[in-house]
N, C-alpha and C. Protein backbone atom coordinates (compact mmCIF):
# COMPACT_ATOMS: atom_id res chain seq x y z
N MET A 1 -17.48 -68.83 -37.20
CA MET A 1 -17.15 -67.86 -38.23
C MET A 1 -18.28 -66.86 -38.46
N GLY A 2 -19.53 -67.33 -38.27
CA GLY A 2 -20.68 -66.50 -38.57
C GLY A 2 -20.66 -65.16 -37.85
N GLU A 3 -20.20 -65.16 -36.60
CA GLU A 3 -20.21 -63.91 -35.83
C GLU A 3 -19.21 -62.89 -36.36
N TYR A 4 -18.19 -63.36 -37.11
CA TYR A 4 -17.19 -62.45 -37.66
C TYR A 4 -17.48 -62.06 -39.11
N LEU A 5 -18.49 -62.69 -39.72
CA LEU A 5 -18.76 -62.43 -41.13
C LEU A 5 -19.08 -60.96 -41.41
N PRO A 6 -19.92 -60.28 -40.60
CA PRO A 6 -20.18 -58.87 -40.89
C PRO A 6 -18.92 -58.01 -40.87
N GLN A 7 -18.02 -58.26 -39.89
CA GLN A 7 -16.78 -57.48 -39.84
C GLN A 7 -15.89 -57.76 -41.05
N LEU A 8 -15.83 -59.03 -41.45
CA LEU A 8 -15.02 -59.39 -42.62
C LEU A 8 -15.55 -58.71 -43.87
N LEU A 9 -16.85 -58.80 -44.08
CA LEU A 9 -17.45 -58.20 -45.28
C LEU A 9 -17.29 -56.69 -45.28
N HIS A 10 -17.43 -56.08 -44.11
CA HIS A 10 -17.27 -54.63 -44.00
C HIS A 10 -15.83 -54.24 -44.33
N ALA A 11 -14.88 -54.96 -43.76
CA ALA A 11 -13.47 -54.66 -44.00
C ALA A 11 -13.12 -54.85 -45.47
N TRP A 12 -13.57 -55.93 -46.07
CA TRP A 12 -13.26 -56.18 -47.48
C TRP A 12 -13.93 -55.16 -48.39
N SER A 13 -15.13 -54.69 -48.00
CA SER A 13 -15.81 -53.68 -48.82
C SER A 13 -15.03 -52.37 -48.80
N ILE A 14 -14.46 -52.02 -47.64
CA ILE A 14 -13.61 -50.83 -47.57
C ILE A 14 -12.39 -51.01 -48.46
N GLN A 15 -11.81 -52.21 -48.43
CA GLN A 15 -10.64 -52.49 -49.27
C GLN A 15 -10.99 -52.34 -50.75
N TRP A 16 -12.14 -52.87 -51.16
CA TRP A 16 -12.54 -52.77 -52.56
C TRP A 16 -12.77 -51.32 -52.98
N ALA A 17 -13.30 -50.52 -52.06
CA ALA A 17 -13.48 -49.10 -52.37
C ALA A 17 -12.14 -48.45 -52.68
N GLY A 18 -11.11 -48.81 -51.91
CA GLY A 18 -9.78 -48.28 -52.17
C GLY A 18 -9.19 -48.79 -53.46
N ILE A 19 -9.41 -50.08 -53.76
CA ILE A 19 -8.84 -50.67 -54.98
C ILE A 19 -9.43 -50.03 -56.23
N MET A 20 -10.73 -49.81 -56.24
CA MET A 20 -11.39 -49.35 -57.46
C MET A 20 -11.35 -47.84 -57.63
N SER A 21 -10.87 -47.10 -56.64
CA SER A 21 -10.69 -45.66 -56.81
C SER A 21 -9.24 -45.41 -57.19
N PRO A 22 -8.99 -44.88 -58.39
CA PRO A 22 -7.60 -44.74 -58.88
C PRO A 22 -6.73 -43.92 -57.94
N GLY A 23 -5.55 -44.42 -57.67
CA GLY A 23 -4.56 -43.73 -56.84
C GLY A 23 -3.18 -44.01 -57.38
N PRO A 24 -2.15 -43.80 -56.59
CA PRO A 24 -0.77 -44.03 -57.06
C PRO A 24 -0.52 -45.44 -57.58
N GLY A 25 -1.12 -46.45 -56.95
CA GLY A 25 -0.92 -47.82 -57.41
C GLY A 25 -1.45 -48.03 -58.81
N VAL A 26 -2.64 -47.52 -59.08
CA VAL A 26 -3.23 -47.65 -60.42
C VAL A 26 -2.43 -46.85 -61.43
N MET A 27 -1.93 -45.69 -61.04
CA MET A 27 -1.11 -44.90 -61.95
C MET A 27 0.20 -45.62 -62.27
N LEU A 28 0.74 -46.33 -61.30
CA LEU A 28 1.95 -47.13 -61.56
C LEU A 28 1.64 -48.23 -62.57
N ILE A 29 0.52 -48.91 -62.38
CA ILE A 29 0.13 -49.96 -63.33
C ILE A 29 -0.07 -49.36 -64.72
N LEU A 30 -0.67 -48.19 -64.80
CA LEU A 30 -0.85 -47.51 -66.09
C LEU A 30 0.49 -47.27 -66.77
N SER A 31 1.44 -46.76 -66.00
CA SER A 31 2.77 -46.47 -66.56
C SER A 31 3.44 -47.75 -67.05
N VAL A 32 3.38 -48.80 -66.25
CA VAL A 32 4.02 -50.07 -66.63
C VAL A 32 3.29 -50.71 -67.81
N ALA A 33 1.96 -50.69 -67.78
CA ALA A 33 1.17 -51.33 -68.83
C ALA A 33 1.42 -50.70 -70.19
N THR A 34 1.51 -49.37 -70.22
CA THR A 34 1.65 -48.69 -71.50
C THR A 34 3.07 -48.73 -72.04
N THR A 35 4.04 -48.94 -71.18
CA THR A 35 5.43 -48.96 -71.65
C THR A 35 5.98 -50.38 -71.79
N SER A 36 5.51 -51.31 -70.96
CA SER A 36 6.10 -52.65 -70.96
C SER A 36 5.11 -53.77 -71.24
N GLY A 37 3.83 -53.46 -71.35
CA GLY A 37 2.87 -54.47 -71.74
C GLY A 37 2.13 -55.13 -70.60
N ARG A 38 1.24 -56.04 -70.99
CA ARG A 38 0.33 -56.67 -70.02
C ARG A 38 1.05 -57.56 -69.02
N GLY A 39 2.01 -58.35 -69.48
CA GLY A 39 2.72 -59.24 -68.56
C GLY A 39 3.40 -58.48 -67.45
N ALA A 40 4.05 -57.37 -67.79
CA ALA A 40 4.72 -56.55 -66.79
C ALA A 40 3.70 -55.93 -65.84
N ALA A 41 2.57 -55.49 -66.38
CA ALA A 41 1.52 -54.90 -65.54
C ALA A 41 0.95 -55.92 -64.57
N LEU A 42 0.80 -57.17 -65.02
CA LEU A 42 0.28 -58.22 -64.14
C LEU A 42 1.27 -58.54 -63.02
N LEU A 43 2.56 -58.51 -63.32
CA LEU A 43 3.56 -58.73 -62.26
C LEU A 43 3.53 -57.59 -61.25
N THR A 44 3.34 -56.37 -61.74
CA THR A 44 3.23 -55.22 -60.83
C THR A 44 2.00 -55.38 -59.94
N ALA A 45 0.89 -55.84 -60.53
CA ALA A 45 -0.33 -56.09 -59.75
C ALA A 45 -0.10 -57.16 -58.69
N LEU A 46 0.69 -58.18 -59.04
CA LEU A 46 1.02 -59.22 -58.06
C LEU A 46 1.83 -58.64 -56.90
N GLY A 47 2.77 -57.75 -57.20
CA GLY A 47 3.54 -57.09 -56.15
C GLY A 47 2.65 -56.29 -55.21
N ILE A 48 1.66 -55.61 -55.79
CA ILE A 48 0.70 -54.86 -54.97
C ILE A 48 -0.11 -55.81 -54.11
N GLY A 49 -0.51 -56.94 -54.69
CA GLY A 49 -1.26 -57.93 -53.93
C GLY A 49 -0.47 -58.50 -52.77
N LEU A 50 0.82 -58.76 -53.00
CA LEU A 50 1.68 -59.27 -51.92
C LEU A 50 1.81 -58.25 -50.80
N ALA A 51 1.85 -56.97 -51.16
CA ALA A 51 1.91 -55.93 -50.13
C ALA A 51 0.65 -55.92 -49.28
N ALA A 52 -0.48 -56.29 -49.89
CA ALA A 52 -1.73 -56.33 -49.14
C ALA A 52 -1.66 -57.36 -48.02
N ILE A 53 -0.89 -58.43 -48.22
CA ILE A 53 -0.72 -59.42 -47.15
C ILE A 53 -0.07 -58.77 -45.94
N LEU A 54 0.98 -57.98 -46.19
CA LEU A 54 1.68 -57.32 -45.08
C LEU A 54 0.78 -56.30 -44.39
N LEU A 55 0.03 -55.54 -45.17
CA LEU A 55 -0.86 -54.53 -44.60
C LEU A 55 -2.00 -55.19 -43.82
N ALA A 56 -2.51 -56.29 -44.34
CA ALA A 56 -3.58 -57.01 -43.62
C ALA A 56 -3.04 -57.62 -42.33
N LEU A 57 -1.82 -58.13 -42.38
CA LEU A 57 -1.19 -58.68 -41.17
C LEU A 57 -1.02 -57.59 -40.12
N ALA A 58 -0.59 -56.41 -40.56
CA ALA A 58 -0.45 -55.29 -39.63
C ALA A 58 -1.79 -54.93 -39.00
N THR A 59 -2.85 -55.06 -39.79
CA THR A 59 -4.18 -54.75 -39.28
C THR A 59 -4.62 -55.74 -38.21
N VAL A 60 -4.45 -57.04 -38.47
CA VAL A 60 -4.92 -58.04 -37.50
C VAL A 60 -4.05 -58.03 -36.24
N LEU A 61 -2.81 -57.57 -36.36
CA LEU A 61 -1.94 -57.48 -35.18
C LEU A 61 -2.16 -56.18 -34.41
N GLY A 62 -3.03 -55.32 -34.95
CA GLY A 62 -3.31 -54.06 -34.28
C GLY A 62 -2.31 -52.96 -34.59
N LEU A 63 -1.39 -53.21 -35.52
CA LEU A 63 -0.37 -52.21 -35.82
C LEU A 63 -0.94 -51.02 -36.56
N ALA A 64 -1.97 -51.27 -37.39
CA ALA A 64 -2.57 -50.15 -38.12
C ALA A 64 -3.23 -49.17 -37.17
N ALA A 65 -3.94 -49.70 -36.16
CA ALA A 65 -4.56 -48.82 -35.17
C ALA A 65 -3.50 -48.08 -34.36
N LEU A 66 -2.41 -48.78 -34.02
CA LEU A 66 -1.32 -48.14 -33.29
C LEU A 66 -0.69 -47.03 -34.12
N LEU A 67 -0.52 -47.30 -35.41
CA LEU A 67 0.06 -46.30 -36.31
C LEU A 67 -0.80 -45.05 -36.34
N ALA A 68 -2.12 -45.25 -36.41
CA ALA A 68 -3.03 -44.11 -36.47
C ALA A 68 -2.97 -43.26 -35.21
N LYS A 69 -2.61 -43.87 -34.07
CA LYS A 69 -2.58 -43.15 -32.80
C LYS A 69 -1.21 -42.58 -32.47
N THR A 70 -0.19 -42.93 -33.25
CA THR A 70 1.17 -42.49 -32.97
C THR A 70 1.60 -41.47 -34.01
N ALA A 71 1.64 -40.21 -33.61
CA ALA A 71 1.89 -39.14 -34.57
C ALA A 71 3.25 -39.27 -35.24
N ILE A 72 4.28 -39.65 -34.47
CA ILE A 72 5.62 -39.70 -35.06
C ILE A 72 5.72 -40.80 -36.12
N LEU A 73 5.03 -41.93 -35.89
CA LEU A 73 5.04 -43.00 -36.89
C LEU A 73 4.27 -42.60 -38.13
N MET A 74 3.12 -41.96 -37.94
CA MET A 74 2.34 -41.50 -39.08
C MET A 74 3.11 -40.47 -39.88
N THR A 75 3.85 -39.60 -39.18
CA THR A 75 4.66 -38.60 -39.87
C THR A 75 5.76 -39.26 -40.68
N ALA A 76 6.39 -40.28 -40.11
CA ALA A 76 7.45 -40.99 -40.83
C ALA A 76 6.89 -41.66 -42.08
N VAL A 77 5.76 -42.34 -41.93
CA VAL A 77 5.12 -42.99 -43.09
C VAL A 77 4.74 -41.95 -44.13
N LYS A 78 4.26 -40.81 -43.65
CA LYS A 78 3.85 -39.74 -44.56
C LYS A 78 5.01 -39.28 -45.43
N PHE A 79 6.15 -39.02 -44.82
CA PHE A 79 7.28 -38.49 -45.60
C PHE A 79 7.97 -39.57 -46.43
N ILE A 80 7.96 -40.80 -45.97
CA ILE A 80 8.48 -41.89 -46.80
C ILE A 80 7.62 -42.04 -48.05
N GLY A 81 6.31 -42.01 -47.86
CA GLY A 81 5.41 -42.09 -49.00
C GLY A 81 5.57 -40.92 -49.94
N ALA A 82 5.71 -39.71 -49.38
CA ALA A 82 5.90 -38.52 -50.22
C ALA A 82 7.19 -38.61 -51.01
N GLY A 83 8.25 -39.13 -50.38
CA GLY A 83 9.53 -39.28 -51.07
C GLY A 83 9.43 -40.24 -52.24
N TYR A 84 8.73 -41.35 -52.03
CA TYR A 84 8.58 -42.32 -53.11
C TYR A 84 7.75 -41.74 -54.25
N LEU A 85 6.71 -41.00 -53.92
CA LEU A 85 5.89 -40.37 -54.95
C LEU A 85 6.68 -39.33 -55.72
N LEU A 86 7.58 -38.62 -55.05
CA LEU A 86 8.45 -37.66 -55.75
C LEU A 86 9.37 -38.38 -56.73
N TRP A 87 9.88 -39.53 -56.32
CA TRP A 87 10.72 -40.31 -57.23
C TRP A 87 9.92 -40.76 -58.45
N MET A 88 8.66 -41.18 -58.24
CA MET A 88 7.80 -41.57 -59.35
C MET A 88 7.53 -40.39 -60.26
N ALA A 89 7.34 -39.20 -59.67
CA ALA A 89 7.12 -38.00 -60.48
C ALA A 89 8.35 -37.69 -61.33
N TYR A 90 9.53 -37.79 -60.72
CA TYR A 90 10.77 -37.55 -61.46
C TYR A 90 10.91 -38.52 -62.63
N SER A 91 10.61 -39.79 -62.40
CA SER A 91 10.71 -40.80 -63.46
C SER A 91 9.76 -40.48 -64.60
N ALA A 92 8.53 -40.07 -64.27
CA ALA A 92 7.55 -39.74 -65.31
C ALA A 92 7.98 -38.50 -66.09
N PHE A 93 8.45 -37.47 -65.39
CA PHE A 93 8.90 -36.25 -66.08
C PHE A 93 10.10 -36.54 -66.97
N ARG A 94 10.98 -37.43 -66.53
CA ARG A 94 12.15 -37.79 -67.34
C ARG A 94 11.71 -38.47 -68.63
N LYS A 95 10.72 -39.36 -68.53
CA LYS A 95 10.20 -40.01 -69.74
C LYS A 95 9.54 -38.98 -70.66
N ALA A 96 8.82 -38.03 -70.06
CA ALA A 96 8.15 -37.02 -70.87
C ALA A 96 9.15 -36.13 -71.60
N ALA A 97 10.31 -35.91 -70.98
CA ALA A 97 11.32 -35.02 -71.58
C ALA A 97 12.09 -35.70 -72.70
N ASN A 98 12.12 -37.03 -72.70
CA ASN A 98 12.87 -37.74 -73.74
C ASN A 98 12.12 -37.70 -75.06
N PRO A 99 12.80 -37.34 -76.15
CA PRO A 99 12.14 -37.33 -77.46
C PRO A 99 11.82 -38.74 -77.91
N PRO A 100 10.84 -38.90 -78.80
CA PRO A 100 10.52 -40.24 -79.30
C PRO A 100 11.73 -40.87 -79.96
N GLN A 101 11.91 -42.16 -79.73
CA GLN A 101 13.03 -42.88 -80.32
C GLN A 101 12.51 -43.92 -81.31
N MET A 102 13.15 -44.00 -82.45
CA MET A 102 12.76 -44.94 -83.49
C MET A 102 13.40 -46.29 -83.20
N VAL A 103 12.80 -47.03 -82.27
CA VAL A 103 13.31 -48.35 -81.93
C VAL A 103 12.16 -49.34 -81.95
N THR A 104 12.48 -50.59 -82.12
CA THR A 104 11.46 -51.64 -82.08
C THR A 104 11.26 -52.09 -80.64
N ALA A 105 10.15 -52.78 -80.40
CA ALA A 105 9.85 -53.22 -79.04
C ALA A 105 10.93 -54.15 -78.51
N SER A 106 11.54 -54.95 -79.43
CA SER A 106 12.56 -55.89 -78.99
C SER A 106 13.84 -55.21 -78.56
N GLN A 107 14.01 -53.94 -78.97
CA GLN A 107 15.22 -53.22 -78.61
C GLN A 107 15.09 -52.53 -77.25
N ILE A 108 13.90 -52.50 -76.72
CA ILE A 108 13.67 -51.83 -75.44
C ILE A 108 13.87 -52.85 -74.32
N PRO A 109 14.82 -52.61 -73.41
CA PRO A 109 15.05 -53.59 -72.34
C PRO A 109 13.83 -53.70 -71.42
N ALA A 110 13.38 -54.91 -71.21
CA ALA A 110 12.22 -55.13 -70.34
C ALA A 110 12.67 -55.17 -68.89
N PRO A 111 11.89 -54.57 -67.99
CA PRO A 111 12.24 -54.65 -66.56
C PRO A 111 12.21 -56.11 -66.10
N SER A 112 13.06 -56.45 -65.16
CA SER A 112 13.08 -57.82 -64.65
C SER A 112 11.82 -58.10 -63.84
N ARG A 113 11.50 -59.38 -63.68
CA ARG A 113 10.34 -59.75 -62.89
C ARG A 113 10.47 -59.27 -61.45
N ALA A 114 11.66 -59.43 -60.90
CA ALA A 114 11.88 -59.01 -59.51
C ALA A 114 11.67 -57.51 -59.37
N ARG A 115 12.14 -56.75 -60.35
CA ARG A 115 11.99 -55.30 -60.28
C ARG A 115 10.52 -54.89 -60.36
N LEU A 116 9.76 -55.56 -61.21
CA LEU A 116 8.34 -55.25 -61.34
C LEU A 116 7.58 -55.60 -60.05
N LEU A 117 7.88 -56.76 -59.49
CA LEU A 117 7.25 -57.15 -58.22
C LEU A 117 7.59 -56.17 -57.12
N LEU A 118 8.86 -55.78 -57.06
CA LEU A 118 9.31 -54.86 -56.01
C LEU A 118 8.68 -53.49 -56.19
N ALA A 119 8.53 -53.05 -57.44
CA ALA A 119 7.90 -51.75 -57.69
C ALA A 119 6.47 -51.73 -57.18
N GLY A 120 5.71 -52.79 -57.48
CA GLY A 120 4.34 -52.86 -57.00
C GLY A 120 4.27 -52.96 -55.49
N PHE A 121 5.12 -53.80 -54.91
CA PHE A 121 5.14 -53.99 -53.46
C PHE A 121 5.51 -52.69 -52.74
N THR A 122 6.58 -52.04 -53.22
CA THR A 122 7.05 -50.81 -52.57
C THR A 122 6.02 -49.69 -52.68
N MET A 123 5.42 -49.57 -53.87
CA MET A 123 4.40 -48.55 -54.04
C MET A 123 3.26 -48.75 -53.06
N GLN A 124 2.82 -49.98 -52.89
CA GLN A 124 1.65 -50.21 -52.05
C GLN A 124 1.94 -50.00 -50.57
N ILE A 125 3.07 -50.47 -50.08
CA ILE A 125 3.33 -50.32 -48.64
C ILE A 125 3.69 -48.89 -48.27
N SER A 126 4.06 -48.07 -49.27
CA SER A 126 4.36 -46.66 -48.99
C SER A 126 3.26 -45.75 -49.54
N ASN A 127 2.19 -46.35 -50.03
CA ASN A 127 1.09 -45.61 -50.64
C ASN A 127 0.19 -45.03 -49.54
N PRO A 128 0.19 -43.72 -49.36
CA PRO A 128 -0.60 -43.13 -48.27
C PRO A 128 -2.09 -43.38 -48.43
N LYS A 129 -2.56 -43.42 -49.67
CA LYS A 129 -3.98 -43.70 -49.89
C LYS A 129 -4.34 -45.09 -49.39
N ALA A 130 -3.51 -46.07 -49.72
CA ALA A 130 -3.76 -47.44 -49.27
C ALA A 130 -3.69 -47.54 -47.76
N ILE A 131 -2.71 -46.88 -47.17
CA ILE A 131 -2.54 -46.94 -45.71
C ILE A 131 -3.76 -46.35 -45.01
N LEU A 132 -4.29 -45.24 -45.54
CA LEU A 132 -5.46 -44.62 -44.92
C LEU A 132 -6.66 -45.56 -44.99
N PHE A 133 -6.81 -46.28 -46.09
CA PHE A 133 -7.91 -47.25 -46.17
C PHE A 133 -7.72 -48.38 -45.17
N TRP A 134 -6.47 -48.81 -44.96
CA TRP A 134 -6.23 -49.87 -43.98
C TRP A 134 -6.44 -49.38 -42.56
N VAL A 135 -6.13 -48.11 -42.31
CA VAL A 135 -6.44 -47.53 -41.00
C VAL A 135 -7.95 -47.51 -40.79
N ALA A 136 -8.70 -47.21 -41.87
CA ALA A 136 -10.16 -47.23 -41.78
C ALA A 136 -10.66 -48.64 -41.48
N ILE A 137 -10.03 -49.64 -42.10
CA ILE A 137 -10.40 -51.04 -41.82
C ILE A 137 -10.14 -51.38 -40.36
N ALA A 138 -8.99 -50.91 -39.84
CA ALA A 138 -8.67 -51.16 -38.44
C ALA A 138 -9.69 -50.50 -37.52
N ALA A 139 -10.18 -49.33 -37.94
CA ALA A 139 -11.15 -48.60 -37.12
C ALA A 139 -12.49 -49.34 -37.04
N VAL A 140 -12.78 -50.16 -38.05
CA VAL A 140 -14.02 -50.93 -38.03
C VAL A 140 -14.04 -51.88 -36.84
N GLY A 141 -12.85 -52.43 -36.54
CA GLY A 141 -12.74 -53.31 -35.38
C GLY A 141 -13.25 -54.72 -35.65
N GLY A 142 -12.99 -55.59 -34.71
CA GLY A 142 -13.50 -56.94 -34.80
C GLY A 142 -12.58 -57.93 -35.45
N ILE A 143 -11.52 -57.46 -36.14
CA ILE A 143 -10.59 -58.37 -36.80
C ILE A 143 -9.38 -58.63 -35.90
N ALA A 144 -8.80 -57.55 -35.38
CA ALA A 144 -7.67 -57.71 -34.45
C ALA A 144 -8.15 -58.49 -33.22
N GLY A 145 -7.40 -59.51 -32.86
CA GLY A 145 -7.77 -60.32 -31.71
C GLY A 145 -8.76 -61.42 -32.01
N ALA A 146 -9.14 -61.57 -33.28
CA ALA A 146 -10.05 -62.65 -33.66
C ALA A 146 -9.30 -63.98 -33.62
N PRO A 147 -10.00 -65.11 -33.63
CA PRO A 147 -9.32 -66.41 -33.67
C PRO A 147 -8.41 -66.51 -34.89
N LEU A 148 -7.38 -67.31 -34.77
CA LEU A 148 -6.38 -67.43 -35.83
C LEU A 148 -6.98 -67.79 -37.19
N PRO A 149 -7.93 -68.74 -37.27
CA PRO A 149 -8.51 -69.04 -38.59
C PRO A 149 -9.20 -67.84 -39.22
N ILE A 150 -9.84 -67.00 -38.41
CA ILE A 150 -10.51 -65.81 -38.93
C ILE A 150 -9.48 -64.82 -39.45
N MET A 151 -8.40 -64.62 -38.70
CA MET A 151 -7.35 -63.71 -39.15
C MET A 151 -6.71 -64.21 -40.44
N ALA A 152 -6.49 -65.54 -40.52
CA ALA A 152 -5.91 -66.10 -41.74
C ALA A 152 -6.85 -65.91 -42.93
N LEU A 153 -8.15 -66.10 -42.70
CA LEU A 153 -9.14 -65.89 -43.76
C LEU A 153 -9.16 -64.43 -44.20
N PHE A 154 -9.08 -63.52 -43.24
CA PHE A 154 -9.07 -62.09 -43.57
C PHE A 154 -7.86 -61.74 -44.42
N ILE A 155 -6.68 -62.24 -44.05
CA ILE A 155 -5.46 -61.93 -44.79
C ILE A 155 -5.53 -62.54 -46.19
N ALA A 156 -5.99 -63.79 -46.28
CA ALA A 156 -6.11 -64.43 -47.59
C ALA A 156 -7.11 -63.69 -48.47
N GLY A 157 -8.22 -63.29 -47.89
CA GLY A 157 -9.21 -62.53 -48.65
C GLY A 157 -8.68 -61.18 -49.10
N ALA A 158 -7.90 -60.53 -48.24
CA ALA A 158 -7.31 -59.24 -48.61
C ALA A 158 -6.36 -59.39 -49.79
N PHE A 159 -5.58 -60.48 -49.78
CA PHE A 159 -4.66 -60.73 -50.91
C PHE A 159 -5.43 -60.98 -52.20
N VAL A 160 -6.46 -61.83 -52.13
CA VAL A 160 -7.25 -62.14 -53.32
C VAL A 160 -7.94 -60.89 -53.84
N ASN A 161 -8.52 -60.09 -52.95
CA ASN A 161 -9.19 -58.86 -53.36
C ASN A 161 -8.22 -57.92 -54.07
N SER A 162 -7.05 -57.71 -53.46
CA SER A 162 -6.07 -56.79 -54.03
C SER A 162 -5.56 -57.29 -55.37
N LEU A 163 -5.23 -58.58 -55.41
CA LEU A 163 -4.71 -59.14 -56.66
C LEU A 163 -5.76 -59.07 -57.77
N LEU A 164 -6.99 -59.49 -57.47
CA LEU A 164 -8.05 -59.48 -58.48
C LEU A 164 -8.33 -58.06 -58.97
N GLY A 165 -8.47 -57.12 -58.02
CA GLY A 165 -8.77 -55.75 -58.41
C GLY A 165 -7.68 -55.13 -59.27
N HIS A 166 -6.43 -55.34 -58.90
CA HIS A 166 -5.34 -54.73 -59.65
C HIS A 166 -5.05 -55.48 -60.95
N VAL A 167 -5.38 -56.77 -61.01
CA VAL A 167 -5.31 -57.49 -62.29
C VAL A 167 -6.33 -56.91 -63.26
N ILE A 168 -7.51 -56.60 -62.76
CA ILE A 168 -8.52 -55.95 -63.61
C ILE A 168 -7.98 -54.65 -64.18
N TRP A 169 -7.36 -53.84 -63.32
CA TRP A 169 -6.75 -52.59 -63.79
C TRP A 169 -5.66 -52.87 -64.81
N ALA A 170 -4.83 -53.88 -64.55
CA ALA A 170 -3.72 -54.20 -65.45
C ALA A 170 -4.22 -54.62 -66.83
N VAL A 171 -5.24 -55.47 -66.85
CA VAL A 171 -5.80 -55.92 -68.13
C VAL A 171 -6.43 -54.75 -68.88
N LEU A 172 -7.18 -53.93 -68.15
CA LEU A 172 -7.83 -52.78 -68.78
C LEU A 172 -6.81 -51.80 -69.34
N LEU A 173 -5.81 -51.46 -68.54
CA LEU A 173 -4.87 -50.41 -68.94
C LEU A 173 -3.82 -50.90 -69.93
N SER A 174 -3.72 -52.22 -70.13
CA SER A 174 -2.79 -52.74 -71.13
C SER A 174 -3.51 -53.14 -72.42
N SER A 175 -4.78 -52.78 -72.54
CA SER A 175 -5.54 -53.11 -73.74
C SER A 175 -5.00 -52.34 -74.94
N SER A 176 -5.28 -52.83 -76.12
CA SER A 176 -4.76 -52.22 -77.35
C SER A 176 -5.15 -50.76 -77.50
N PRO A 177 -6.41 -50.37 -77.26
CA PRO A 177 -6.76 -48.95 -77.41
C PRO A 177 -5.97 -48.04 -76.45
N ILE A 178 -5.78 -48.50 -75.21
CA ILE A 178 -5.03 -47.70 -74.24
C ILE A 178 -3.58 -47.56 -74.67
N ARG A 179 -2.97 -48.66 -75.09
CA ARG A 179 -1.56 -48.62 -75.51
C ARG A 179 -1.39 -47.81 -76.79
N ALA A 180 -2.36 -47.90 -77.70
CA ALA A 180 -2.28 -47.11 -78.93
C ALA A 180 -2.38 -45.62 -78.61
N GLY A 181 -3.27 -45.29 -77.68
CA GLY A 181 -3.39 -43.89 -77.27
C GLY A 181 -2.12 -43.39 -76.62
N TYR A 182 -1.50 -44.26 -75.81
CA TYR A 182 -0.23 -43.87 -75.17
C TYR A 182 0.85 -43.64 -76.22
N ALA A 183 0.91 -44.51 -77.23
CA ALA A 183 1.93 -44.36 -78.27
C ALA A 183 1.78 -43.03 -79.01
N ARG A 184 0.54 -42.59 -79.18
CA ARG A 184 0.31 -41.32 -79.89
C ARG A 184 0.59 -40.11 -79.01
N ALA A 185 0.41 -40.27 -77.71
CA ALA A 185 0.54 -39.10 -76.83
C ALA A 185 1.40 -39.42 -75.62
N ARG A 186 2.52 -40.10 -75.85
CA ARG A 186 3.37 -40.55 -74.75
C ARG A 186 3.84 -39.41 -73.87
N ARG A 187 4.36 -38.35 -74.47
CA ARG A 187 4.96 -37.28 -73.67
C ARG A 187 3.93 -36.55 -72.81
N PRO A 188 2.78 -36.12 -73.35
CA PRO A 188 1.81 -35.48 -72.47
C PRO A 188 1.24 -36.41 -71.40
N ILE A 189 1.10 -37.70 -71.73
CA ILE A 189 0.59 -38.64 -70.73
C ILE A 189 1.59 -38.80 -69.59
N GLU A 190 2.88 -38.94 -69.92
CA GLU A 190 3.90 -39.05 -68.88
C GLU A 190 3.99 -37.76 -68.07
N ALA A 191 3.84 -36.62 -68.74
CA ALA A 191 3.85 -35.34 -68.01
C ALA A 191 2.67 -35.27 -67.05
N ALA A 192 1.50 -35.76 -67.50
CA ALA A 192 0.32 -35.76 -66.64
C ALA A 192 0.52 -36.69 -65.45
N LEU A 193 1.14 -37.85 -65.69
CA LEU A 193 1.44 -38.76 -64.58
C LEU A 193 2.40 -38.11 -63.60
N GLY A 194 3.41 -37.40 -64.13
CA GLY A 194 4.35 -36.70 -63.26
C GLY A 194 3.65 -35.67 -62.39
N ILE A 195 2.74 -34.92 -63.00
CA ILE A 195 1.98 -33.91 -62.25
C ILE A 195 1.12 -34.58 -61.18
N PHE A 196 0.51 -35.72 -61.53
CA PHE A 196 -0.31 -36.46 -60.57
C PHE A 196 0.52 -36.89 -59.36
N PHE A 197 1.66 -37.53 -59.63
CA PHE A 197 2.51 -38.00 -58.53
C PHE A 197 3.05 -36.82 -57.71
N LEU A 198 3.44 -35.75 -58.40
CA LEU A 198 3.96 -34.57 -57.70
C LEU A 198 2.88 -33.95 -56.82
N GLY A 199 1.68 -33.82 -57.35
CA GLY A 199 0.58 -33.25 -56.58
C GLY A 199 0.23 -34.10 -55.38
N PHE A 200 0.22 -35.42 -55.56
CA PHE A 200 -0.09 -36.33 -54.46
C PHE A 200 0.99 -36.23 -53.38
N ALA A 201 2.26 -36.13 -53.82
CA ALA A 201 3.36 -36.01 -52.86
C ALA A 201 3.25 -34.72 -52.06
N ALA A 202 2.94 -33.62 -52.76
CA ALA A 202 2.81 -32.33 -52.09
C ALA A 202 1.65 -32.33 -51.10
N LYS A 203 0.53 -32.91 -51.52
CA LYS A 203 -0.63 -32.98 -50.64
C LYS A 203 -0.33 -33.81 -49.41
N LEU A 204 0.36 -34.93 -49.63
CA LEU A 204 0.70 -35.80 -48.51
C LEU A 204 1.66 -35.12 -47.54
N ALA A 205 2.69 -34.45 -48.09
CA ALA A 205 3.70 -33.83 -47.24
C ALA A 205 3.15 -32.68 -46.41
N THR A 206 2.09 -32.03 -46.91
CA THR A 206 1.54 -30.86 -46.22
C THR A 206 0.30 -31.18 -45.39
N THR A 207 -0.11 -32.44 -45.39
CA THR A 207 -1.28 -32.84 -44.61
C THR A 207 -0.88 -33.09 -43.17
N LYS A 208 -1.62 -32.50 -42.24
CA LYS A 208 -1.32 -32.70 -40.83
C LYS A 208 -1.81 -34.07 -40.38
N VAL A 209 -1.03 -34.70 -39.49
CA VAL A 209 -1.41 -36.01 -38.95
C VAL A 209 -1.73 -35.88 -37.47
């Protein structure tokens, strides 16, 4: 294992850089945390963590490197990701357009656990920012083709890193001060989220691969 430790640490450090720099996944957690609470945000974080397993598996199988070298596949991923971000922008703008409603928290239907998990999972596997970081991990080399125990350790570590990092975001963004601020400025915050998702989608769609 010792000979693979530098590659593992390098790959995980790249992953942590992606986790701690806010992107679409963190904005999704923010939206869920402020509207549905900490439990919902934690389930969304778990969905993102589960997606990391798939992305890490693609990396050890060499699919991430293949994706980076295949223009048509990168283009497909690019537009799928842009489409999902446009849908997120539409959802945020729709929330911003709705006037405040005098309802109690118990009257607001909570998203199902499956829906929250799927939202986090779908966001992450179609998240262009996350994919670019995984392509960077693939470029580091040394993981694809490693012995099976090393690949299993890498995938497990990637899941733990993603889950831990996004749980930190979920706890932070579902804190009382953040939720109180959202309650006071719900419409401008949702409008800002919509602009963020729209801008990210536009940037992604117009970026050459």
